N, C-alpha and C. Protein backbone atom coordinates (compact mmCIF):
# COMPACT_ATOMS: atom_id res chain seq x y z
N UNK A 1 -11.06 -14.94 23.54
CA UNK A 1 -11.25 -14.59 24.96
C UNK A 1 -10.22 -13.54 25.39
N UNK A 2 -9.00 -13.65 25.01
CA UNK A 2 -7.96 -12.70 25.26
C UNK A 2 -8.24 -11.23 24.84
N UNK A 3 -8.89 -11.15 23.57
CA UNK A 3 -9.18 -9.92 23.10
C UNK A 3 -10.21 -9.17 23.89
N UNK A 4 -11.28 -9.94 24.35
CA UNK A 4 -12.34 -9.43 25.28
C UNK A 4 -11.70 -8.91 26.49
N UNK A 5 -10.82 -9.70 27.11
CA UNK A 5 -10.29 -9.31 28.37
C UNK A 5 -9.45 -8.03 28.24
N UNK A 6 -8.71 -7.94 27.21
CA UNK A 6 -7.81 -6.66 26.86
C UNK A 6 -8.80 -5.49 26.64
N UNK A 7 -9.82 -5.68 25.94
CA UNK A 7 -10.82 -4.54 25.68
C UNK A 7 -11.45 -4.12 27.02
N UNK A 8 -11.81 -5.11 27.88
CA UNK A 8 -12.43 -4.69 29.16
C UNK A 8 -11.32 -3.95 29.98
N UNK A 9 -10.17 -4.29 29.93
CA UNK A 9 -9.12 -3.65 30.71
C UNK A 9 -8.93 -2.32 30.18
N UNK A 10 -8.88 -2.11 28.88
CA UNK A 10 -8.70 -0.81 28.24
C UNK A 10 -9.90 0.19 28.67
N UNK A 11 -11.03 -0.36 28.78
CA UNK A 11 -12.13 0.46 29.13
C UNK A 11 -12.03 0.90 30.61
N UNK A 12 -11.42 0.12 31.39
CA UNK A 12 -11.10 0.35 32.79
C UNK A 12 -12.42 0.64 33.67
N UNK A 13 -13.45 -0.14 33.31
CA UNK A 13 -14.66 -0.07 34.05
C UNK A 13 -14.92 -1.34 34.79
N UNK A 14 -15.61 -1.27 35.90
CA UNK A 14 -15.89 -2.50 36.69
C UNK A 14 -16.65 -3.53 35.85
N UNK A 15 -16.28 -4.85 35.98
CA UNK A 15 -17.02 -5.83 35.31
C UNK A 15 -17.02 -7.10 36.05
N UNK A 16 -17.88 -8.04 35.68
CA UNK A 16 -17.93 -9.48 36.23
C UNK A 16 -18.04 -10.30 35.09
N UNK A 17 -17.19 -11.30 34.97
CA UNK A 17 -17.13 -12.20 33.80
C UNK A 17 -17.10 -13.64 34.33
N UNK A 18 -17.84 -14.50 33.75
CA UNK A 18 -17.86 -15.91 34.04
C UNK A 18 -16.77 -16.71 33.33
N UNK A 19 -15.82 -17.16 34.04
CA UNK A 19 -14.61 -17.86 33.40
C UNK A 19 -14.28 -19.08 34.05
N UNK A 20 -13.65 -20.00 33.36
CA UNK A 20 -13.11 -21.20 33.97
C UNK A 20 -11.93 -20.78 34.92
N UNK A 21 -11.76 -21.52 35.94
CA UNK A 21 -10.75 -21.11 37.02
C UNK A 21 -9.35 -21.22 36.44
N UNK A 22 -8.95 -21.99 35.50
CA UNK A 22 -7.59 -21.98 35.05
C UNK A 22 -7.15 -20.79 34.40
N UNK A 23 -8.11 -19.96 33.93
CA UNK A 23 -7.72 -18.77 33.21
C UNK A 23 -6.90 -17.85 34.18
N UNK A 24 -7.25 -17.79 35.45
CA UNK A 24 -6.61 -16.85 36.32
C UNK A 24 -5.12 -17.25 36.56
N UNK A 25 -4.77 -18.52 36.26
CA UNK A 25 -3.46 -18.87 36.41
C UNK A 25 -2.60 -18.71 35.17
N UNK A 26 -3.17 -18.28 34.08
CA UNK A 26 -2.49 -18.02 32.88
C UNK A 26 -1.73 -16.73 32.92
N UNK A 27 -0.51 -16.75 32.29
CA UNK A 27 0.44 -15.58 32.41
C UNK A 27 -0.28 -14.33 31.82
N UNK A 28 -0.95 -14.50 30.63
CA UNK A 28 -1.54 -13.29 30.07
C UNK A 28 -2.61 -12.65 31.00
N UNK A 29 -3.23 -13.53 31.76
CA UNK A 29 -4.36 -12.89 32.74
C UNK A 29 -3.63 -12.15 33.83
N UNK A 30 -2.73 -12.76 34.53
CA UNK A 30 -2.16 -12.06 35.71
C UNK A 30 -1.19 -10.94 35.28
N UNK A 31 -0.79 -10.89 34.04
CA UNK A 31 0.02 -9.80 33.49
C UNK A 31 -0.90 -8.62 33.18
N UNK A 32 -2.03 -8.90 32.73
CA UNK A 32 -3.04 -8.03 32.25
C UNK A 32 -3.84 -7.41 33.58
N UNK A 33 -4.05 -8.27 34.49
CA UNK A 33 -4.72 -7.92 35.72
C UNK A 33 -3.90 -8.16 36.96
N UNK A 34 -2.85 -7.39 37.16
CA UNK A 34 -2.05 -7.68 38.40
C UNK A 34 -2.68 -7.39 39.73
N UNK A 35 -3.73 -6.57 39.70
CA UNK A 35 -4.51 -6.18 40.81
C UNK A 35 -5.94 -5.94 40.54
N UNK A 36 -6.68 -5.68 41.52
CA UNK A 36 -8.15 -5.27 41.42
C UNK A 36 -9.07 -6.44 40.93
N UNK A 37 -8.58 -7.66 41.10
CA UNK A 37 -9.36 -8.82 40.76
C UNK A 37 -9.89 -9.44 42.04
N UNK A 38 -11.16 -9.80 42.01
CA UNK A 38 -11.78 -10.61 43.05
C UNK A 38 -12.50 -11.77 42.46
N UNK A 39 -12.75 -12.87 43.19
CA UNK A 39 -13.29 -14.09 42.69
C UNK A 39 -14.48 -14.43 43.55
N UNK A 40 -15.53 -14.81 42.87
CA UNK A 40 -16.75 -15.36 43.48
C UNK A 40 -16.91 -16.75 42.94
N UNK A 41 -17.00 -17.77 43.77
CA UNK A 41 -17.21 -19.17 43.37
C UNK A 41 -18.55 -19.70 43.70
N UNK A 42 -19.42 -20.13 42.77
CA UNK A 42 -20.75 -20.60 43.05
C UNK A 42 -20.59 -21.92 43.88
N UNK A 43 -21.51 -22.15 44.85
CA UNK A 43 -21.48 -23.35 45.51
C UNK A 43 -21.99 -24.48 44.77
N UNK A 44 -22.76 -24.19 43.68
CA UNK A 44 -23.26 -25.22 42.79
C UNK A 44 -22.59 -24.95 41.42
N UNK A 45 -22.44 -26.05 40.72
CA UNK A 45 -21.77 -25.95 39.38
C UNK A 45 -22.74 -25.28 38.41
N UNK A 46 -22.26 -24.33 37.60
CA UNK A 46 -23.10 -23.72 36.62
C UNK A 46 -23.19 -24.63 35.43
N UNK A 47 -24.18 -24.58 34.67
CA UNK A 47 -24.35 -25.26 33.45
C UNK A 47 -24.55 -24.29 32.28
N UNK A 48 -24.16 -24.74 31.12
CA UNK A 48 -24.32 -23.85 29.97
C UNK A 48 -24.43 -24.71 28.69
N UNK A 49 -24.58 -24.04 27.55
CA UNK A 49 -24.55 -24.67 26.27
C UNK A 49 -23.16 -24.76 25.71
N UNK A 50 -22.75 -25.88 25.27
CA UNK A 50 -21.47 -26.01 24.62
C UNK A 50 -21.72 -26.22 23.13
N UNK A 51 -21.37 -25.19 22.26
CA UNK A 51 -21.67 -25.32 20.75
C UNK A 51 -20.79 -26.35 20.20
N UNK A 52 -19.61 -26.54 20.64
CA UNK A 52 -18.65 -27.53 20.07
C UNK A 52 -19.19 -28.89 20.20
N UNK A 53 -19.69 -29.30 21.41
CA UNK A 53 -20.25 -30.58 21.63
C UNK A 53 -21.77 -30.66 21.31
N UNK A 54 -22.34 -29.54 20.94
CA UNK A 54 -23.87 -29.43 20.77
C UNK A 54 -24.59 -30.04 21.99
N UNK A 55 -24.17 -29.48 23.09
CA UNK A 55 -24.67 -30.11 24.33
C UNK A 55 -25.34 -29.09 25.23
N UNK A 56 -26.54 -29.32 25.64
CA UNK A 56 -27.15 -28.43 26.63
C UNK A 56 -26.85 -28.88 28.11
N UNK A 57 -26.97 -28.05 28.96
CA UNK A 57 -26.66 -28.31 30.41
C UNK A 57 -25.25 -28.89 30.65
N UNK A 58 -24.38 -28.38 29.87
CA UNK A 58 -22.94 -28.79 29.89
C UNK A 58 -22.30 -28.19 31.13
N UNK A 59 -21.54 -28.92 31.96
CA UNK A 59 -20.86 -28.32 33.14
C UNK A 59 -19.37 -28.60 32.88
N UNK A 60 -18.54 -27.50 32.66
CA UNK A 60 -17.16 -27.71 32.51
C UNK A 60 -16.59 -28.45 33.66
N UNK A 61 -15.60 -29.26 33.41
CA UNK A 61 -15.00 -30.17 34.47
C UNK A 61 -14.40 -29.42 35.60
N UNK A 62 -13.96 -28.17 35.37
CA UNK A 62 -13.37 -27.31 36.43
C UNK A 62 -14.38 -26.30 36.98
N UNK A 63 -15.54 -26.32 36.52
CA UNK A 63 -16.64 -25.31 36.94
C UNK A 63 -16.35 -24.00 36.34
N UNK A 64 -17.04 -23.06 36.78
CA UNK A 64 -16.93 -21.67 36.37
C UNK A 64 -16.81 -20.74 37.52
N UNK A 65 -16.11 -19.68 37.40
CA UNK A 65 -16.01 -18.70 38.53
C UNK A 65 -16.31 -17.40 37.96
N UNK A 66 -16.82 -16.48 38.84
CA UNK A 66 -17.06 -15.07 38.52
C UNK A 66 -15.87 -14.35 38.80
N UNK A 67 -15.20 -13.72 37.80
CA UNK A 67 -14.07 -12.95 37.89
C UNK A 67 -14.43 -11.52 37.94
N UNK A 68 -14.18 -10.75 38.97
CA UNK A 68 -14.70 -9.43 39.23
C UNK A 68 -13.52 -8.44 39.12
N UNK A 69 -13.72 -7.38 38.43
CA UNK A 69 -12.63 -6.37 38.28
C UNK A 69 -13.22 -5.02 38.77
N UNK A 70 -12.54 -4.45 39.75
CA UNK A 70 -12.84 -3.22 40.31
C UNK A 70 -14.23 -3.13 40.91
N UNK A 71 -14.66 -4.27 41.51
CA UNK A 71 -15.99 -4.26 42.09
C UNK A 71 -15.99 -3.87 43.57
N UNK A 72 -14.84 -3.83 44.17
CA UNK A 72 -14.75 -3.43 45.60
C UNK A 72 -15.62 -4.16 46.50
N UNK A 73 -15.62 -5.44 46.36
CA UNK A 73 -16.36 -6.36 47.21
C UNK A 73 -15.72 -6.41 48.56
N UNK A 74 -16.66 -6.85 49.49
CA UNK A 74 -16.05 -7.05 50.91
C UNK A 74 -14.85 -7.89 51.06
N UNK A 75 -14.97 -9.04 50.33
CA UNK A 75 -13.83 -10.06 50.30
C UNK A 75 -13.26 -10.31 48.87
N UNK A 76 -12.07 -10.64 48.85
CA UNK A 76 -11.44 -10.91 47.46
C UNK A 76 -11.75 -12.25 46.98
N UNK A 77 -12.20 -13.23 47.91
CA UNK A 77 -12.48 -14.54 47.52
C UNK A 77 -13.85 -14.87 48.19
N UNK A 78 -14.91 -15.26 47.59
CA UNK A 78 -16.11 -15.51 48.30
C UNK A 78 -16.87 -16.64 47.53
N UNK A 79 -17.49 -17.59 48.40
CA UNK A 79 -18.38 -18.56 47.91
C UNK A 79 -19.73 -18.01 47.87
N UNK A 80 -20.46 -18.22 46.85
CA UNK A 80 -21.83 -17.68 46.74
C UNK A 80 -22.79 -18.78 46.39
């Protein structure tokens, strides 16, 4: 995951990535993206496939957030 984030930062193009909320509190994340980050939080929990557990409709215990880079949204934090 860190390699993907580094590559996206190197490209310096706007992006939206679905990540678990604890990622934004990690030192490597806020060192890599000290600014230009906005967050969108879904009002309903997203579900996905977890290959480790071989489980469909898996919902991570902390949910998932949309992390936006250089999207210039109206608000920095928004519930959607």
